Amino acid sequence: MKYSTLLEQFIMPFANDFSDTPYYEDMFEFAITAWNLGNMMVLMPLKDSEEAIKTVHDMSINRELMKKLIDYKASHFKEYTNFIVDFEFKETNADPVLTVVTQEQETFLDMMRI
């Protein structure tokens, strides 16, 4: 399955939580952060999960919503282990089309160590 489709499915249950978010890009950036942290949660001891959430630098972030999305990723999409590293909306005559760039887990974690 395409990760763009997975990401849209991942966000769908939380659409109402983003009703105050004026730009799709902001909603998707938030969701991608949660997706990637969800991937990391599967690899980390449970006690480190709160510390991982604190690594998100934006002080205005809704940490409760972030935690909900991270938990949802870990429980509903855990078999999809690629990290999402970029996304773009391409304008079409109809609705914009989402494309995402992913990296395999091992490659992503190797890049973080550098």
PDB file of N, CA and C in Angstrom:
ATOM      1  N   MET A   1       0.847  -1.182   0.000  1.00  0.00           N
ATOM      2  CA  MET A   1       0.000   0.000   0.000  1.00  0.00           C
ATOM      3  C   MET A   1       0.891   1.244   0.000  1.00  0.00           C
ATOM      4  N   LYS A   2       0.434   2.273  -0.677  1.00  0.00           N
ATOM      5  CA  LYS A   2       1.184   3.523  -0.745  1.00  0.00           C
ATOM      6  C   LYS A   2       1.118   4.250   0.600  1.00  0.00           C
ATOM      7  N   TYR A   3       2.240   4.823   0.985  1.00  0.00           N
ATOM      8  CA  TYR A   3       2.292   5.527   2.266  1.00  0.00           C
ATOM      9  C   TYR A   3       1.447   6.798   2.259  1.00  0.00           C
ATOM     10  N   SER A   4       1.228   7.374   1.099  1.00  0.00           N
ATOM     11  CA  SER A   4       0.341   8.544   1.057  1.00  0.00           C
ATOM     12  C   SER A   4      -1.074   8.133   1.450  1.00  0.00           C
ATOM     13  N   THR A   5      -1.508   6.990   0.988  1.00  0.00           N
ATOM     14  CA  THR A   5      -2.828   6.468   1.348  1.00  0.00           C
ATOM     15  C   THR A   5      -2.870   6.112   2.826  1.00  0.00           C
ATOM     16  N   LEU A   6      -1.807   5.473   3.317  1.00  0.00           N
ATOM     17  CA  LEU A   6      -1.740   5.123   4.741  1.00  0.00           C
ATOM     18  C   LEU A   6      -1.819   6.367   5.613  1.00  0.00           C
ATOM     19  N   LEU A   7      -1.095   7.406   5.218  1.00  0.00           N
ATOM     20  CA  LEU A   7      -1.090   8.641   6.003  1.00  0.00           C
ATOM     21  C   LEU A   7      -2.477   9.265   6.050  1.00  0.00           C
ATOM     22  N   GLU A   8      -3.166   9.270   4.926  1.00  0.00           N
ATOM     23  CA  GLU A   8      -4.525   9.804   4.905  1.00  0.00           C
ATOM     24  C   GLU A   8      -5.450   8.980   5.794  1.00  0.00           C
ATOM     25  N   GLN A   9      -5.316   7.652   5.763  1.00  0.00           N
ATOM     26  CA  GLN A   9      -6.117   6.781   6.625  1.00  0.00           C
ATOM     27  C   GLN A   9      -5.776   7.011   8.099  1.00  0.00           C
ATOM     28  N   PHE A  10      -4.511   7.256   8.362  1.00  0.00           N
ATOM     29  CA  PHE A  10      -4.036   7.500   9.721  1.00  0.00           C
ATOM     30  C   PHE A  10      -4.654   8.774  10.308  1.00  0.00           C
ATOM     31  N   ILE A  11      -4.774   9.801   9.506  1.00  0.00           N
ATOM     32  CA  ILE A  11      -5.295  11.090   9.968  1.00  0.00           C
ATOM     33  C   ILE A  11      -6.816  11.095  10.105  1.00  0.00           C
ATOM     34  N   MET A  12      -7.481  10.348   9.251  1.00  0.00           N
ATOM     35  CA  MET A  12      -8.943  10.417   9.153  1.00  0.00           C
ATOM     36  C   MET A  12      -9.679  10.358  10.493  1.00  0.00           C
ATOM     37  N   PRO A  13      -9.371   9.442  11.414  1.00  0.00           N
ATOM     38  CA  PRO A  13     -10.130   9.399  12.676  1.00  0.00           C
ATOM     39  C   PRO A  13      -9.944  10.647  13.541  1.00  0.00           C
ATOM     40  N   PHE A  14      -8.937  11.441  13.234  1.00  0.00           N
ATOM     41  CA  PHE A  14      -8.623  12.614  14.050  1.00  0.00           C
ATOM     42  C   PHE A  14      -8.934  13.926  13.330  1.00  0.00           C
ATOM     43  N   ALA A  15      -9.640  13.860  12.225  1.00  0.00           N
ATOM     44  CA  ALA A  15      -9.913  15.051  11.412  1.00  0.00           C
ATOM     45  C   ALA A  15     -10.545  16.173  12.231  1.00  0.00           C
ATOM     46  N   ASN A  16     -11.472  15.849  13.097  1.00  0.00           N
ATOM     47  CA  ASN A  16     -12.133  16.883  13.907  1.00  0.00           C
ATOM     48  C   ASN A  16     -11.161  17.558  14.875  1.00  0.00           C
ATOM     49  N   ASP A  17     -10.121  16.841  15.285  1.00  0.00           N
ATOM     50  CA  ASP A  17      -9.123  17.419  16.184  1.00  0.00           C
ATOM     51  C   ASP A  17      -8.290  18.496  15.493  1.00  0.00           C
ATOM     52  N   PHE A  18      -8.332  18.507  14.176  1.00  0.00           N
ATOM     53  CA  PHE A  18      -7.573  19.494  13.401  1.00  0.00           C
ATOM     54  C   PHE A  18      -8.459  20.589  12.817  1.00  0.00           C
ATOM     55  N   SER A  19      -9.694  20.712  13.311  1.00  0.00           N
ATOM     56  CA  SER A  19     -10.634  21.681  12.737  1.00  0.00           C
ATOM     57  C   SER A  19     -10.141  23.121  12.852  1.00  0.00           C
ATOM     58  N   ASP A  20      -9.297  23.408  13.836  1.00  0.00           N
ATOM     59  CA  ASP A  20      -8.755  24.765  13.989  1.00  0.00           C
ATOM     60  C   ASP A  20      -7.464  24.980  13.204  1.00  0.00           C
ATOM     61  N   THR A  21      -6.996  23.959  12.514  1.00  0.00           N
ATOM     62  CA  THR A  21      -5.756  24.057  11.750  1.00  0.00           C
ATOM     63  C   THR A  21      -6.084  24.596  10.362  1.00  0.00           C
ATOM     64  N   PRO A  22      -5.606  25.792  10.036  1.00  0.00           N
ATOM     65  CA  PRO A  22      -6.020  26.414   8.778  1.00  0.00           C
ATOM     66  C   PRO A  22      -5.385  25.810   7.522  1.00  0.00           C
ATOM     67  N   TYR A  23      -4.258  25.132   7.647  1.00  0.00           N
ATOM     68  CA  TYR A  23      -3.554  24.636   6.460  1.00  0.00           C
ATOM     69  C   TYR A  23      -3.375  23.125   6.540  1.00  0.00           C
ATOM     70  N   TYR A  24      -3.678  22.454   5.422  1.00  0.00           N
ATOM     71  CA  TYR A  24      -3.474  21.007   5.353  1.00  0.00           C
ATOM     72  C   TYR A  24      -2.034  20.632   5.673  1.00  0.00           C
ATOM     73  N   GLU A  25      -1.111  21.460   5.212  1.00  0.00           N
ATOM     74  CA  GLU A  25       0.307  21.159   5.411  1.00  0.00           C
ATOM     75  C   GLU A  25       0.643  21.036   6.899  1.00  0.00           C
ATOM     76  N   ASP A  26       0.082  21.923   7.722  1.00  0.00           N
ATOM     77  CA  ASP A  26       0.339  21.873   9.164  1.00  0.00           C
ATOM     78  C   ASP A  26      -0.216  20.593   9.778  1.00  0.00           C
ATOM     79  N   MET A  27      -1.402  20.202   9.345  1.00  0.00           N
ATOM     80  CA  MET A  27      -2.017  18.979   9.841  1.00  0.00           C
ATOM     81  C   MET A  27      -1.155  17.766   9.471  1.00  0.00           C
ATOM     82  N   PHE A  28      -0.674  17.739   8.236  1.00  0.00           N
ATOM     83  CA  PHE A  28       0.128  16.604   7.798  1.00  0.00           C
ATOM     84  C   PHE A  28       1.503  16.594   8.462  1.00  0.00           C
ATOM     85  N   GLU A  29       2.093  17.749   8.692  1.00  0.00           N
ATOM     86  CA  GLU A  29       3.376  17.795   9.409  1.00  0.00           C
ATOM     87  C   GLU A  29       3.212  17.232  10.815  1.00  0.00           C
ATOM     88  N   PHE A  30       2.153  17.609  11.484  1.00  0.00           N
ATOM     89  CA  PHE A  30       1.864  17.111  12.823  1.00  0.00           C
ATOM     90  C   PHE A  30       1.697  15.591  12.789  1.00  0.00           C
ATOM     91  N   ALA A  31       0.898  15.117  11.838  1.00  0.00           N
ATOM     92  CA  ALA A  31       0.621  13.683  11.730  1.00  0.00           C
ATOM     93  C   ALA A  31       1.882  12.898  11.381  1.00  0.00           C
ATOM     94  N   ILE A  32       2.738  13.457  10.537  1.00  0.00           N
ATOM     95  CA  ILE A  32       3.982  12.777  10.170  1.00  0.00           C
ATOM     96  C   ILE A  32       4.902  12.677  11.381  1.00  0.00           C
ATOM     97  N   THR A  33       4.948  13.722  12.186  1.00  0.00           N
ATOM     98  CA  THR A  33       5.741  13.664  13.420  1.00  0.00           C
ATOM     99  C   THR A  33       5.224  12.543  14.311  1.00  0.00           C
ATOM    100  N   ALA A  34       3.903  12.451  14.447  1.00  0.00           N
ATOM    101  CA  ALA A  34       3.304  11.390  15.263  1.00  0.00           C
ATOM    102  C   ALA A  34       3.591  10.011  14.659  1.00  0.00           C
ATOM    103  N   TRP A  35       3.502   9.908  13.347  1.00  0.00           N
ATOM    104  CA  TRP A  35       3.786   8.632  12.658  1.00  0.00           C
ATOM    105  C   TRP A  35       5.207   8.176  12.974  1.00  0.00           C
ATOM    106  N   ASN A  36       6.154   9.088  12.795  1.00  0.00           N
ATOM    107  CA  ASN A  36       7.559   8.735  13.014  1.00  0.00           C
ATOM    108  C   ASN A  36       7.849   8.432  14.486  1.00  0.00           C
ATOM    109  N   LEU A  37       7.260   9.198  15.390  1.00  0.00           N
ATOM    110  CA  LEU A  37       7.421   8.896  16.815  1.00  0.00           C
ATOM    111  C   LEU A  37       6.755   7.566  17.168  1.00  0.00           C
ATOM    112  N   GLY A  38       5.639   7.276  16.518  1.00  0.00           N
ATOM    113  CA  GLY A  38       4.986   5.980  16.714  1.00  0.00           C
ATOM    114  C   GLY A  38       5.892   4.832  16.300  1.00  0.00           C
ATOM    115  N   ASN A  39       6.606   5.017  15.193  1.00  0.00           N
ATOM    116  CA  ASN A  39       7.581   4.006  14.771  1.00  0.00           C
ATOM    117  C   ASN A  39       8.667   3.837  15.823  1.00  0.00           C
ATOM    118  N   MET A  40       9.115   4.943  16.376  1.00  0.00           N
ATOM    119  CA  MET A  40      10.182   4.889  17.377  1.00  0.00           C
ATOM    120  C   MET A  40       9.685   4.241  18.671  1.00  0.00           C
ATOM    121  N   MET A  41       8.416   4.462  19.023  1.00  0.00           N
ATOM    122  CA  MET A  41       7.866   3.900  20.254  1.00  0.00           C
ATOM    123  C   MET A  41       7.927   2.381  20.238  1.00  0.00           C
ATOM    124  N   VAL A  42       7.720   1.799  19.074  1.00  0.00           N
ATOM    125  CA  VAL A  42       7.769   0.349  18.951  1.00  0.00           C
ATOM    126  C   VAL A  42       9.176  -0.159  19.263  1.00  0.00           C
ATOM    127  N   LEU A  43      10.175   0.662  18.986  1.00  0.00           N
ATOM    128  CA  LEU A  43      11.571   0.273  19.187  1.00  0.00           C
ATOM    129  C   LEU A  43      12.095   0.606  20.575  1.00  0.00           C
ATOM    130  N   MET A  44      11.431   1.519  21.275  1.00  0.00           N
ATOM    131  CA  MET A  44      11.933   2.024  22.558  1.00  0.00           C
ATOM    132  C   MET A  44      11.219   1.370  23.727  1.00  0.00           C
ATOM    133  N   PRO A  45      11.880   1.338  24.881  1.00  0.00           N
ATOM    134  CA  PRO A  45      11.175   0.918  26.097  1.00  0.00           C
ATOM    135  C   PRO A  45      10.042   1.909  26.402  1.00  0.00           C
ATOM    136  N   LEU A  46       8.974   1.426  26.960  1.00  0.00           N
ATOM    137  CA  LEU A  46       7.793   2.248  27.238  1.00  0.00           C
ATOM    138  C   LEU A  46       8.121   3.473  28.077  1.00  0.00           C
ATOM    139  N   LYS A  47       9.043   3.351  29.016  1.00  0.00           N
ATOM    140  CA  LYS A  47       9.372   4.472  29.902  1.00  0.00           C
ATOM    141  C   LYS A  47       9.986   5.649  29.152  1.00  0.00           C
ATOM    142  N   ASP A  48      10.525   5.395  27.959  1.00  0.00           N
ATOM    143  CA  ASP A  48      11.152   6.464  27.186  1.00  0.00           C
ATOM    144  C   ASP A  48      10.169   7.206  26.290  1.00  0.00           C
ATOM    145  N   SER A  49       8.914   6.751  26.241  1.00  0.00           N
ATOM    146  CA  SER A  49       7.955   7.353  25.309  1.00  0.00           C
ATOM    147  C   SER A  49       7.672   8.815  25.613  1.00  0.00           C
ATOM    148  N   GLU A  50       7.519   9.166  26.876  1.00  0.00           N
ATOM    149  CA  GLU A  50       7.264  10.564  27.230  1.00  0.00           C
ATOM    150  C   GLU A  50       8.454  11.442  26.866  1.00  0.00           C
ATOM    151  N   GLU A  51       9.643  10.931  27.044  1.00  0.00           N
ATOM    152  CA  GLU A  51      10.849  11.680  26.661  1.00  0.00           C
ATOM    153  C   GLU A  51      10.878  11.932  25.160  1.00  0.00           C
ATOM    154  N   ALA A  52      10.450  10.964  24.389  1.00  0.00           N
ATOM    155  CA  ALA A  52      10.429  11.120  22.929  1.00  0.00           C
ATOM    156  C   ALA A  52       9.454  12.219  22.527  1.00  0.00           C
ATOM    157  N   ILE A  53       8.311  12.277  23.186  1.00  0.00           N
ATOM    158  CA  ILE A  53       7.335  13.324  22.873  1.00  0.00           C
ATOM    159  C   ILE A  53       7.920  14.692  23.207  1.00  0.00           C
ATOM    160  N   LYS A  54       8.695  14.781  24.266  1.00  0.00           N
ATOM    161  CA  LYS A  54       9.306  16.048  24.651  1.00  0.00           C
ATOM    162  C   LYS A  54      10.339  16.529  23.642  1.00  0.00           C
ATOM    163  N   THR A  55      10.818  15.643  22.766  1.00  0.00           N
ATOM    164  CA  THR A  55      11.794  16.060  21.766  1.00  0.00           C
ATOM    165  C   THR A  55      11.174  16.945  20.691  1.00  0.00           C
ATOM    166  N   VAL A  56       9.854  16.955  20.632  1.00  0.00           N
ATOM    167  CA  VAL A  56       9.169  17.840  19.695  1.00  0.00           C
ATOM    168  C   VAL A  56       9.332  19.259  20.235  1.00  0.00           C
ATOM    169  N   HIS A  57       9.946  20.133  19.450  1.00  0.00           N
ATOM    170  CA  HIS A  57      10.391  21.426  19.949  1.00  0.00           C
ATOM    171  C   HIS A  57       9.302  22.503  20.048  1.00  0.00           C
ATOM    172  N   ASP A  58       8.245  22.389  19.293  1.00  0.00           N
ATOM    173  CA  ASP A  58       7.217  23.425  19.270  1.00  0.00           C
ATOM    174  C   ASP A  58       6.441  23.418  20.583  1.00  0.00           C
ATOM    175  N   MET A  59       6.577  24.467  21.354  1.00  0.00           N
ATOM    176  CA  MET A  59       5.925  24.527  22.658  1.00  0.00           C
ATOM    177  C   MET A  59       4.399  24.628  22.553  1.00  0.00           C
ATOM    178  N   SER A  60       3.880  25.061  21.427  1.00  0.00           N
ATOM    179  CA  SER A  60       2.438  25.192  21.270  1.00  0.00           C
ATOM    180  C   SER A  60       1.784  23.889  20.809  1.00  0.00           C
ATOM    181  N   ILE A  61       2.567  22.831  20.708  1.00  0.00           N
ATOM    182  CA  ILE A  61       2.036  21.567  20.216  1.00  0.00           C
ATOM    183  C   ILE A  61       1.010  20.999  21.199  1.00  0.00           C
ATOM    184  N   ASN A  62       0.005  20.386  20.656  1.00  0.00           N
ATOM    185  CA  ASN A  62      -1.010  19.723  21.458  1.00  0.00           C
ATOM    186  C   ASN A  62      -0.468  18.333  21.810  1.00  0.00           C
ATOM    187  N   ARG A  63       0.156  18.233  22.978  1.00  0.00           N
ATOM    188  CA  ARG A  63       0.817  16.977  23.370  1.00  0.00           C
ATOM    189  C   ARG A  63      -0.186  15.842  23.582  1.00  0.00           C
ATOM    190  N   GLU A  64      -1.370  16.172  24.048  1.00  0.00           N
ATOM    191  CA  GLU A  64      -2.388  15.133  24.242  1.00  0.00           C
ATOM    192  C   GLU A  64      -2.783  14.513  22.900  1.00  0.00           C
ATOM    193  N   LEU A  65      -3.009  15.356  21.905  1.00  0.00           N
ATOM    194  CA  LEU A  65      -3.340  14.859  20.569  1.00  0.00           C
ATOM    195  C   LEU A  65      -2.159  14.089  19.983  1.00  0.00           C
ATOM    196  N   MET A  66      -0.949  14.592  20.188  1.00  0.00           N
ATOM    197  CA  MET A  66       0.237  13.900  19.689  1.00  0.00           C
ATOM    198  C   MET A  66       0.306  12.495  20.280  1.00  0.00           C
ATOM    199  N   LYS A  67       0.064  12.384  21.574  1.00  0.00           N
ATOM    200  CA  LYS A  67       0.107  11.080  22.235  1.00  0.00           C
ATOM    201  C   LYS A  67      -0.959  10.148  21.665  1.00  0.00           C
ATOM    202  N   LYS A  68      -2.166  10.676  21.409  1.00  0.00           N
ATOM    203  CA  LYS A  68      -3.230   9.867  20.828  1.00  0.00           C
ATOM    204  C   LYS A  68      -2.822   9.320  19.459  1.00  0.00           C
ATOM    205  N   LEU A  69      -2.230  10.183  18.625  1.00  0.00           N
ATOM    206  CA  LEU A  69      -1.819   9.749  17.296  1.00  0.00           C
ATOM    207  C   LEU A  69      -0.675   8.740  17.368  1.00  0.00           C
ATOM    208  N   ILE A  70       0.270   8.962  18.266  1.00  0.00           N
ATOM    209  CA  ILE A  70       1.382   8.024  18.424  1.00  0.00           C
ATOM    210  C   ILE A  70       0.848   6.652  18.835  1.00  0.00           C
ATOM    211  N   ASP A  71      -0.043   6.625  19.805  1.00  0.00           N
ATOM    212  CA  ASP A  71      -0.623   5.362  20.256  1.00  0.00           C
ATOM    213  C   ASP A  71      -1.408   4.692  19.125  1.00  0.00           C
ATOM    214  N   TYR A  72      -2.134   5.489  18.356  1.00  0.00           N
ATOM    215  CA  TYR A  72      -2.922   4.958  17.245  1.00  0.00           C
ATOM    216  C   TYR A  72      -2.004   4.363  16.177  1.00  0.00           C
ATOM    217  N   LYS A  73      -0.892   5.044  15.895  1.00  0.00           N
ATOM    218  CA  LYS A  73       0.070   4.525  14.917  1.00  0.00           C
ATOM    219  C   LYS A  73       0.626   3.193  15.387  1.00  0.00           C
ATOM    220  N   ALA A  74       1.038   3.135  16.638  1.00  0.00           N
ATOM    221  CA  ALA A  74       1.647   1.919  17.170  1.00  0.00           C
ATOM    222  C   ALA A  74       0.657   0.752  17.216  1.00  0.00           C
ATOM    223  N   SER A  75      -0.619   1.044  17.406  1.00  0.00           N
ATOM    224  CA  SER A  75      -1.595  -0.032  17.526  1.00  0.00           C
ATOM    225  C   SER A  75      -2.261  -0.423  16.203  1.00  0.00           C
ATOM    226  N   HIS A  76      -2.403   0.519  15.267  1.00  0.00           N
ATOM    227  CA  HIS A  76      -3.142   0.231  14.032  1.00  0.00           C
ATOM    228  C   HIS A  76      -2.275   0.144  12.775  1.00  0.00           C
ATOM    229  N   PHE A  77      -1.075   0.675  12.826  1.00  0.00           N
ATOM    230  CA  PHE A  77      -0.226   0.717  11.633  1.00  0.00           C
ATOM    231  C   PHE A  77       1.188   0.219  11.931  1.00  0.00           C
ATOM    232  N   LYS A  78       1.345  -0.620  12.947  1.00  0.00           N
ATOM    233  CA  LYS A  78       2.689  -1.008  13.388  1.00  0.00           C
ATOM    234  C   LYS A  78       3.451  -1.812  12.344  1.00  0.00           C
ATOM    235  N   GLU A  79       2.751  -2.463  11.425  1.00  0.00           N
ATOM    236  CA  GLU A  79       3.448  -3.243  10.398  1.00  0.00           C
ATOM    237  C   GLU A  79       4.090  -2.364   9.318  1.00  0.00           C
ATOM    238  N   TYR A  80       3.738  -1.081   9.297  1.00  0.00           N
ATOM    239  CA  TYR A  80       4.313  -0.139   8.324  1.00  0.00           C
ATOM    240  C   TYR A  80       5.429   0.629   9.030  1.00  0.00           C
ATOM    241  N   THR A  81       6.643   0.176   8.856  1.00  0.00           N
ATOM    242  CA  THR A  81       7.766   0.673   9.644  1.00  0.00           C
ATOM    243  C   THR A  81       8.592   1.749   8.950  1.00  0.00           C
ATOM    244  N   ASN A  82       8.272   2.084   7.715  1.00  0.00           N
ATOM    245  CA  ASN A  82       9.011   3.165   7.056  1.00  0.00           C
ATOM    246  C   ASN A  82       8.718   4.487   7.752  1.00  0.00           C
ATOM    247  N   PHE A  83       9.733   5.329   7.811  1.00  0.00           N
ATOM    248  CA  PHE A  83       9.596   6.679   8.345  1.00  0.00           C
ATOM    249  C   PHE A  83       9.272   7.617   7.192  1.00  0.00           C
ATOM    250  N   ILE A  84       8.412   8.572   7.444  1.00  0.00           N
ATOM    251  CA  ILE A  84       8.036   9.549   6.418  1.00  0.00           C
ATOM    252  C   ILE A  84       8.965  10.751   6.575  1.00  0.00           C
ATOM    253  N   VAL A  85       9.710  11.057   5.522  1.00  0.00           N
ATOM    254  CA  VAL A  85      10.714  12.112   5.610  1.00  0.00           C
ATOM    255  C   VAL A  85      10.322  13.380   4.851  1.00  0.00           C
ATOM    256  N   ASP A  86       9.336  13.286   3.972  1.00  0.00           N
ATOM    257  CA  ASP A  86       8.900  14.475   3.232  1.00  0.00           C
ATOM    258  C   ASP A  86       7.529  14.203   2.636  1.00  0.00           C
ATOM    259  N   PHE A  87       6.833  15.271   2.315  1.00  0.00           N
ATOM    260  CA  PHE A  87       5.537  15.145   1.651  1.00  0.00           C
ATOM    261  C   PHE A  87       5.303  16.370   0.775  1.00  0.00           C
ATOM    262  N   GLU A  88       4.363  16.226  -0.138  1.00  0.00           N
ATOM    263  CA  GLU A  88       4.040  17.331  -1.043  1.00  0.00           C
ATOM    264  C   GLU A  88       2.611  17.136  -1.541  1.00  0.00           C
ATOM    265  N   PHE A  89       1.933  18.247  -1.715  1.00  0.00           N
ATOM    266  CA  PHE A  89       0.636  18.230  -2.371  1.00  0.00           C
ATOM    267  C   PHE A  89       0.835  18.730  -3.792  1.00  0.00           C
ATOM    268  N   LYS A  90       0.431  17.925  -4.753  1.00  0.00           N
ATOM    269  CA  LYS A  90       0.515  18.322  -6.158  1.00  0.00           C
ATOM    270  C   LYS A  90      -0.868  18.767  -6.600  1.00  0.00           C
ATOM    271  N   GLU A  91      -0.896  19.952  -7.157  1.00  0.00           N
ATOM    272  CA  GLU A  91      -2.164  20.499  -7.631  1.00  0.00           C
ATOM    273  C   GLU A  91      -2.603  19.777  -8.908  1.00  0.00           C
ATOM    274  N   THR A  92      -3.877  19.442  -8.964  1.00  0.00           N
ATOM    275  CA  THR A  92      -4.466  18.829 -10.151  1.00  0.00           C
ATOM    276  C   THR A  92      -5.744  19.591 -10.472  1.00  0.00           C
ATOM    277  N   ASN A  93      -6.412  19.197 -11.525  1.00  0.00           N
ATOM    278  CA  ASN A  93      -7.686  19.825 -11.864  1.00  0.00           C
ATOM    279  C   ASN A  93      -8.750  19.470 -10.825  1.00  0.00           C
ATOM    280  N   ALA A  94      -8.575  18.366 -10.158  1.00  0.00           N
ATOM    281  CA  ALA A  94      -9.503  17.949  -9.096  1.00  0.00           C
ATOM    282  C   ALA A  94      -8.888  18.320  -7.752  1.00  0.00           C
ATOM    283  N   ASP A  95      -8.936  17.420  -6.800  1.00  0.00           N
ATOM    284  CA  ASP A  95      -8.351  17.656  -5.474  1.00  0.00           C
ATOM    285  C   ASP A  95      -6.833  17.522  -5.541  1.00  0.00           C
ATOM    286  N   PRO A  96      -6.124  18.202  -4.631  1.00  0.00           N
ATOM    287  CA  PRO A  96      -4.673  18.028  -4.571  1.00  0.00           C
ATOM    288  C   PRO A  96      -4.325  16.567  -4.277  1.00  0.00           C
ATOM    289  N   VAL A  97      -3.199  16.118  -4.825  1.00  0.00           N
ATOM    290  CA  VAL A  97      -2.759  14.741  -4.635  1.00  0.00           C
ATOM    291  C   VAL A  97      -1.555  14.746  -3.693  1.00  0.00           C
ATOM    292  N   LEU A  98      -1.651  13.937  -2.645  1.00  0.00           N
ATOM    293  CA  LEU A  98      -0.578  13.831  -1.668  1.00  0.00           C
ATOM    294  C   LEU A  98       0.446  12.807  -2.124  1.00  0.00           C
ATOM    295  N   THR A  99       1.718  13.198  -2.068  1.00  0.00           N
ATOM    296  CA  THR A  99       2.806  12.247  -2.281  1.00  0.00           C
ATOM    297  C   THR A  99       3.721  12.328  -1.068  1.00  0.00           C
ATOM    298  N   VAL A 100       4.287  11.194  -0.701  1.00  0.00           N
ATOM    299  CA  VAL A 100       5.204  11.168   0.437  1.00  0.00           C
ATOM    300  C   VAL A 100       6.488  10.454   0.037  1.00  0.00           C
ATOM    301  N   VAL A 101       7.554  10.820   0.742  1.00  0.00           N
ATOM    302  CA  VAL A 101       8.848  10.165   0.589  1.00  0.00           C
ATOM    303  C   VAL A 101       9.125   9.472   1.907  1.00  0.00           C
ATOM    304  N   THR A 102       9.495   8.206   1.828  1.00  0.00           N
ATOM    305  CA  THR A 102       9.776   7.437   3.032  1.00  0.00           C
ATOM    306  C   THR A 102      11.197   6.901   3.007  1.00  0.00           C
ATOM    307  N   GLN A 103      11.641   6.497   4.175  1.00  0.00           N
ATOM    308  CA  GLN A 103      12.904   5.788   4.309  1.00  0.00           C
ATOM    309  C   GLN A 103      12.645   4.552   5.150  1.00  0.00           C
ATOM    310  N   GLU A 104      13.334   3.477   4.803  1.00  0.00           N
ATOM    311  CA  GLU A 104      13.220   2.272   5.604  1.00  0.00           C
ATOM    312  C   GLU A 104      13.758   2.549   6.998  1.00  0.00           C
ATOM    313  N   GLN A 105      13.256   1.817   7.949  1.00  0.00           N
ATOM    314  CA  GLN A 105      13.585   2.021   9.357  1.00  0.00           C
ATOM    315  C   GLN A 105      15.096   2.062   9.590  1.00  0.00           C
ATOM    316  N   GLU A 106      15.808   1.087   9.081  1.00  0.00           N
ATOM    317  CA  GLU A 106      17.250   1.008   9.324  1.00  0.00           C
ATOM    318  C   GLU A 106      17.982   2.220   8.748  1.00  0.00           C
ATOM    319  N   THR A 107      17.624   2.626   7.548  1.00  0.00           N
ATOM    320  CA  THR A 107      18.258   3.783   6.908  1.00  0.00           C
ATOM    321  C   THR A 107      17.976   5.050   7.699  1.00  0.00           C
ATOM    322  N   PHE A 108      16.724   5.243   8.101  1.00  0.00           N
ATOM    323  CA  PHE A 108      16.344   6.433   8.862  1.00  0.00           C
ATOM    324  C   PHE A 108      17.114   6.510  10.175  1.00  0.00           C
ATOM    325  N   LEU A 109      17.162   5.401  10.898  1.00  0.00           N
ATOM    326  CA  LEU A 109      17.858   5.401  12.187  1.00  0.00           C
ATOM    327  C   LEU A 109      19.363   5.591  12.015  1.00  0.00           C
ATOM    328  N   ASP A 110      19.940   5.047  10.951  1.00  0.00           N
ATOM    329  CA  ASP A 110      21.358   5.276  10.663  1.00  0.00           C
ATOM    330  C   ASP A 110      21.635   6.757  10.405  1.00  0.00           C
ATOM    331  N   MET A 111      20.719   7.411   9.689  1.00  0.00           N
ATOM    332  CA  MET A 111      20.888   8.840   9.383  1.00  0.00           C
ATOM    333  C   MET A 111      20.779   9.677  10.653  1.00  0.00           C
ATOM    334  N   MET A 112      19.967   9.256  11.606  1.00  0.00           N
ATOM    335  CA  MET A 112      19.817  10.002  12.863  1.00  0.00           C
ATOM    336  C   MET A 112      21.083   9.905  13.725  1.00  0.00           C
ATOM    337  N   ARG A 113      21.824   8.835  13.570  1.00  0.00           N
ATOM    338  CA  ARG A 113      23.035   8.645  14.374  1.00  0.00           C
ATOM    339  C   ARG A 113      24.193   9.530  13.925  1.00  0.00           C
ATOM    340  N   ILE A 114      24.119   9.998  12.713  1.00  0.00           N
ATOM    341  CA  ILE A 114      25.221  10.809  12.154  1.00  0.00           C
ATOM    342  C   ILE A 114      25.285  12.164  12.800  1.00  0.00           C
TER     343      ILE A 114
END
